[in-house]
């Protein structure tokens, strides 16, 4: 396990608590695709629902559909109208 230490002065300068910093890190790692939602929630010490709320509050999409998802959806729509 890695231990990350952020000096109190840095947190104070940023106007953050340690929990705020963990959440910010988790949000950014999720946003960039480096962490899954469950892993980001664990890092932020939140349950899934609270993590989703935090993502929405920071205007970060919870779900990021891939191009394949859109293609599959279009195929399904076309099949349903045939």
N, C-alpha and C. Protein backbone atom coordinates (compact mmCIF):
# COMPACT_ATOMS: atom_id res chain seq x y z
N UNK A 1 0.85 -1.19 0.00
CA UNK A 1 0.00 0.00 0.00
C UNK A 1 0.89 1.24 0.00
N UNK A 2 0.53 2.18 -0.84
CA UNK A 2 1.26 3.44 -0.94
C UNK A 2 0.60 4.46 -0.01
N UNK A 3 1.42 5.22 0.62
CA UNK A 3 0.91 6.28 1.49
C UNK A 3 1.29 7.61 0.88
N UNK A 4 0.31 8.43 0.63
CA UNK A 4 0.52 9.73 0.02
C UNK A 4 0.34 10.79 1.09
N UNK A 5 1.32 11.64 1.25
CA UNK A 5 1.22 12.69 2.25
C UNK A 5 1.21 14.05 1.56
N UNK A 6 0.25 14.86 1.92
CA UNK A 6 0.14 16.21 1.39
C UNK A 6 0.35 17.16 2.57
N UNK A 7 1.35 18.01 2.48
CA UNK A 7 1.60 18.93 3.60
C UNK A 7 0.38 19.77 3.94
N UNK A 8 0.18 19.99 5.23
CA UNK A 8 -0.96 20.78 5.69
C UNK A 8 -1.00 22.16 5.04
N UNK A 9 0.18 22.74 4.81
CA UNK A 9 0.23 24.07 4.21
C UNK A 9 -0.34 24.06 2.79
N UNK A 10 -0.08 22.98 2.07
CA UNK A 10 -0.58 22.86 0.70
C UNK A 10 -2.10 22.71 0.73
N UNK A 11 -2.60 21.86 1.61
CA UNK A 11 -4.05 21.71 1.73
C UNK A 11 -4.70 23.02 2.13
N UNK A 12 -4.08 23.70 3.07
CA UNK A 12 -4.62 24.97 3.53
C UNK A 12 -4.63 26.00 2.40
N UNK A 13 -3.55 26.05 1.64
CA UNK A 13 -3.47 26.98 0.51
C UNK A 13 -4.55 26.68 -0.53
N UNK A 14 -4.83 25.40 -0.73
CA UNK A 14 -5.86 24.99 -1.68
C UNK A 14 -7.26 25.10 -1.10
N UNK A 15 -7.35 25.36 0.20
CA UNK A 15 -8.66 25.44 0.85
C UNK A 15 -9.34 24.09 0.92
N UNK A 16 -8.53 23.03 1.12
CA UNK A 16 -9.06 21.68 1.12
C UNK A 16 -8.70 20.94 2.40
N UNK A 17 -9.49 19.93 2.69
CA UNK A 17 -9.14 18.98 3.74
C UNK A 17 -8.51 17.77 3.06
N UNK A 18 -8.01 16.86 3.83
CA UNK A 18 -7.47 15.62 3.27
C UNK A 18 -8.53 14.85 2.51
N UNK A 19 -9.75 14.81 3.04
CA UNK A 19 -10.85 14.12 2.36
C UNK A 19 -11.19 14.81 1.04
N UNK A 20 -11.15 16.15 1.03
CA UNK A 20 -11.39 16.88 -0.21
C UNK A 20 -10.35 16.51 -1.27
N UNK A 21 -9.10 16.41 -0.85
CA UNK A 21 -8.00 16.08 -1.77
C UNK A 21 -8.17 14.67 -2.33
N UNK A 22 -8.56 13.73 -1.48
CA UNK A 22 -8.81 12.36 -1.95
C UNK A 22 -9.94 12.33 -2.97
N UNK A 23 -11.00 13.07 -2.69
CA UNK A 23 -12.13 13.12 -3.62
C UNK A 23 -11.68 13.74 -4.94
N UNK A 24 -10.95 14.83 -4.88
CA UNK A 24 -10.49 15.49 -6.10
C UNK A 24 -9.63 14.55 -6.94
N UNK A 25 -8.73 13.84 -6.29
CA UNK A 25 -7.88 12.88 -6.99
C UNK A 25 -8.72 11.78 -7.62
N UNK A 26 -9.66 11.26 -6.86
CA UNK A 26 -10.53 10.19 -7.37
C UNK A 26 -11.36 10.68 -8.56
N UNK A 27 -11.88 11.89 -8.47
CA UNK A 27 -12.67 12.45 -9.57
C UNK A 27 -11.83 12.57 -10.84
N UNK A 28 -10.63 13.10 -10.71
CA UNK A 28 -9.78 13.30 -11.89
C UNK A 28 -9.32 11.97 -12.49
N UNK A 29 -8.99 11.02 -11.64
CA UNK A 29 -8.57 9.71 -12.16
C UNK A 29 -9.72 9.00 -12.85
N UNK A 30 -10.93 9.16 -12.34
CA UNK A 30 -12.10 8.59 -13.01
C UNK A 30 -12.36 9.31 -14.33
N UNK A 31 -12.31 10.63 -14.29
CA UNK A 31 -12.60 11.45 -15.48
C UNK A 31 -11.65 11.11 -16.64
N UNK A 32 -10.40 10.83 -16.32
CA UNK A 32 -9.42 10.52 -17.36
C UNK A 32 -9.41 9.05 -17.74
N UNK A 33 -10.25 8.25 -17.09
CA UNK A 33 -10.34 6.84 -17.42
C UNK A 33 -9.28 5.98 -16.77
N UNK A 34 -8.58 6.52 -15.80
CA UNK A 34 -7.52 5.75 -15.15
C UNK A 34 -8.05 4.90 -14.02
N UNK A 35 -9.24 5.24 -13.51
CA UNK A 35 -9.89 4.44 -12.46
C UNK A 35 -11.33 4.17 -12.86
N UNK A 36 -11.81 3.00 -12.50
CA UNK A 36 -13.23 2.67 -12.67
C UNK A 36 -14.02 3.39 -11.59
N UNK A 37 -15.32 3.38 -11.75
CA UNK A 37 -16.18 4.01 -10.74
C UNK A 37 -16.01 3.37 -9.36
N UNK A 38 -16.04 2.03 -9.26
CA UNK A 38 -15.86 1.44 -7.93
C UNK A 38 -14.48 1.76 -7.31
N UNK A 39 -13.45 1.77 -8.12
CA UNK A 39 -12.12 2.07 -7.58
C UNK A 39 -12.01 3.52 -7.16
N UNK A 40 -12.58 4.42 -7.94
CA UNK A 40 -12.57 5.84 -7.57
C UNK A 40 -13.35 6.06 -6.28
N UNK A 41 -14.47 5.38 -6.14
CA UNK A 41 -15.26 5.50 -4.91
C UNK A 41 -14.47 5.00 -3.70
N UNK A 42 -13.76 3.89 -3.88
CA UNK A 42 -12.93 3.37 -2.78
C UNK A 42 -11.85 4.37 -2.40
N UNK A 43 -11.20 4.95 -3.40
CA UNK A 43 -10.15 5.94 -3.13
C UNK A 43 -10.72 7.13 -2.36
N UNK A 44 -11.89 7.57 -2.76
CA UNK A 44 -12.52 8.73 -2.11
C UNK A 44 -13.21 8.37 -0.80
N UNK A 45 -13.23 7.07 -0.48
CA UNK A 45 -13.89 6.57 0.74
C UNK A 45 -15.38 6.87 0.73
N UNK A 46 -15.99 6.65 -0.45
CA UNK A 46 -17.42 6.88 -0.62
C UNK A 46 -18.08 5.60 -1.13
N UNK A 47 -19.38 5.49 -0.92
CA UNK A 47 -20.09 4.39 -1.57
C UNK A 47 -20.40 4.82 -3.00
N UNK A 48 -20.84 3.89 -3.80
CA UNK A 48 -21.05 4.15 -5.22
C UNK A 48 -22.02 5.32 -5.45
N UNK A 49 -23.11 5.33 -4.71
CA UNK A 49 -24.11 6.37 -4.88
C UNK A 49 -23.53 7.75 -4.57
N UNK A 50 -22.78 7.85 -3.49
CA UNK A 50 -22.18 9.14 -3.12
C UNK A 50 -21.14 9.57 -4.15
N UNK A 51 -20.41 8.60 -4.71
CA UNK A 51 -19.43 8.92 -5.74
C UNK A 51 -20.13 9.43 -6.99
N UNK A 52 -21.23 8.79 -7.37
CA UNK A 52 -21.99 9.26 -8.53
C UNK A 52 -22.50 10.67 -8.29
N UNK A 53 -22.97 10.95 -7.07
CA UNK A 53 -23.43 12.30 -6.74
C UNK A 53 -22.29 13.31 -6.86
N UNK A 54 -21.10 12.93 -6.40
CA UNK A 54 -19.93 13.82 -6.49
C UNK A 54 -19.56 14.08 -7.95
N UNK A 55 -19.61 13.03 -8.76
CA UNK A 55 -19.32 13.21 -10.19
C UNK A 55 -20.31 14.17 -10.83
N UNK A 56 -21.58 13.97 -10.54
CA UNK A 56 -22.61 14.85 -11.10
C UNK A 56 -22.42 16.29 -10.61
N UNK A 57 -22.09 16.46 -9.35
CA UNK A 57 -21.87 17.80 -8.79
C UNK A 57 -20.70 18.51 -9.47
N UNK A 58 -19.73 17.72 -9.93
CA UNK A 58 -18.56 18.29 -10.60
C UNK A 58 -18.70 18.24 -12.13
N UNK A 59 -19.91 17.92 -12.60
CA UNK A 59 -20.23 17.87 -14.03
C UNK A 59 -19.33 16.91 -14.80
N UNK A 60 -19.04 15.78 -14.16
CA UNK A 60 -18.27 14.71 -14.80
C UNK A 60 -19.26 13.59 -15.12
N UNK A 61 -19.35 13.22 -16.39
CA UNK A 61 -20.31 12.16 -16.75
C UNK A 61 -20.00 10.85 -16.02
N UNK A 62 -21.04 10.25 -15.48
CA UNK A 62 -20.89 8.98 -14.78
C UNK A 62 -20.66 7.86 -15.79
N UNK A 63 -21.37 7.91 -16.90
CA UNK A 63 -21.26 6.90 -17.93
C UNK A 63 -20.70 7.53 -19.20
N UNK A 64 -19.73 6.86 -19.77
CA UNK A 64 -19.09 7.35 -21.00
C UNK A 64 -19.24 6.29 -22.08
N UNK A 65 -20.31 6.38 -22.83
CA UNK A 65 -20.52 5.37 -23.86
C UNK A 65 -19.42 5.43 -24.92
N UNK A 66 -19.03 4.28 -25.40
CA UNK A 66 -18.04 4.18 -26.47
C UNK A 66 -18.76 4.20 -27.81
N UNK A 67 -18.01 4.42 -28.87
CA UNK A 67 -18.58 4.44 -30.21
C UNK A 67 -19.33 3.15 -30.49
N UNK A 68 -18.77 2.03 -30.03
CA UNK A 68 -19.43 0.74 -30.24
C UNK A 68 -20.81 0.70 -29.60
N UNK A 69 -20.96 1.38 -28.46
CA UNK A 69 -22.27 1.43 -27.79
C UNK A 69 -23.30 2.12 -28.69
N UNK A 70 -22.89 3.22 -29.31
CA UNK A 70 -23.81 3.93 -30.20
C UNK A 70 -24.16 3.08 -31.42
N UNK A 71 -23.17 2.40 -31.96
CA UNK A 71 -23.41 1.53 -33.12
C UNK A 71 -24.38 0.41 -32.75
N UNK A 72 -24.16 -0.20 -31.60
CA UNK A 72 -25.07 -1.26 -31.13
C UNK A 72 -26.47 -0.73 -30.92
N UNK A 73 -26.58 0.48 -30.35
CA UNK A 73 -27.90 1.08 -30.14
C UNK A 73 -28.60 1.34 -31.47
N UNK A 74 -27.86 1.87 -32.43
CA UNK A 74 -28.45 2.12 -33.75
C UNK A 74 -28.91 0.83 -34.41
N UNK A 75 -28.08 -0.20 -34.31
CA UNK A 75 -28.46 -1.51 -34.86
C UNK A 75 -29.74 -2.02 -34.20
N UNK A 76 -29.82 -1.90 -32.90
CA UNK A 76 -31.01 -2.36 -32.17
C UNK A 76 -32.24 -1.57 -32.58
N UNK A 77 -32.09 -0.27 -32.76
CA UNK A 77 -33.22 0.56 -33.19
C UNK A 77 -33.68 0.18 -34.60
N UNK A 78 -32.71 -0.06 -35.47
CA UNK A 78 -33.07 -0.43 -36.84
C UNK A 78 -33.78 -1.78 -36.86
N UNK A 79 -33.33 -2.74 -36.04
CA UNK A 79 -33.98 -4.04 -35.97
C UNK A 79 -35.40 -3.92 -35.42
N UNK A 80 -35.59 -3.02 -34.47
CA UNK A 80 -36.91 -2.90 -33.84
C UNK A 80 -37.92 -2.22 -34.76
N UNK A 81 -37.44 -1.47 -35.75
CA UNK A 81 -38.37 -0.80 -36.68
C UNK A 81 -38.60 -1.60 -37.94
N UNK A 82 -37.87 -2.68 -38.10
CA UNK A 82 -38.04 -3.53 -39.28
C UNK A 82 -39.25 -4.43 -39.17
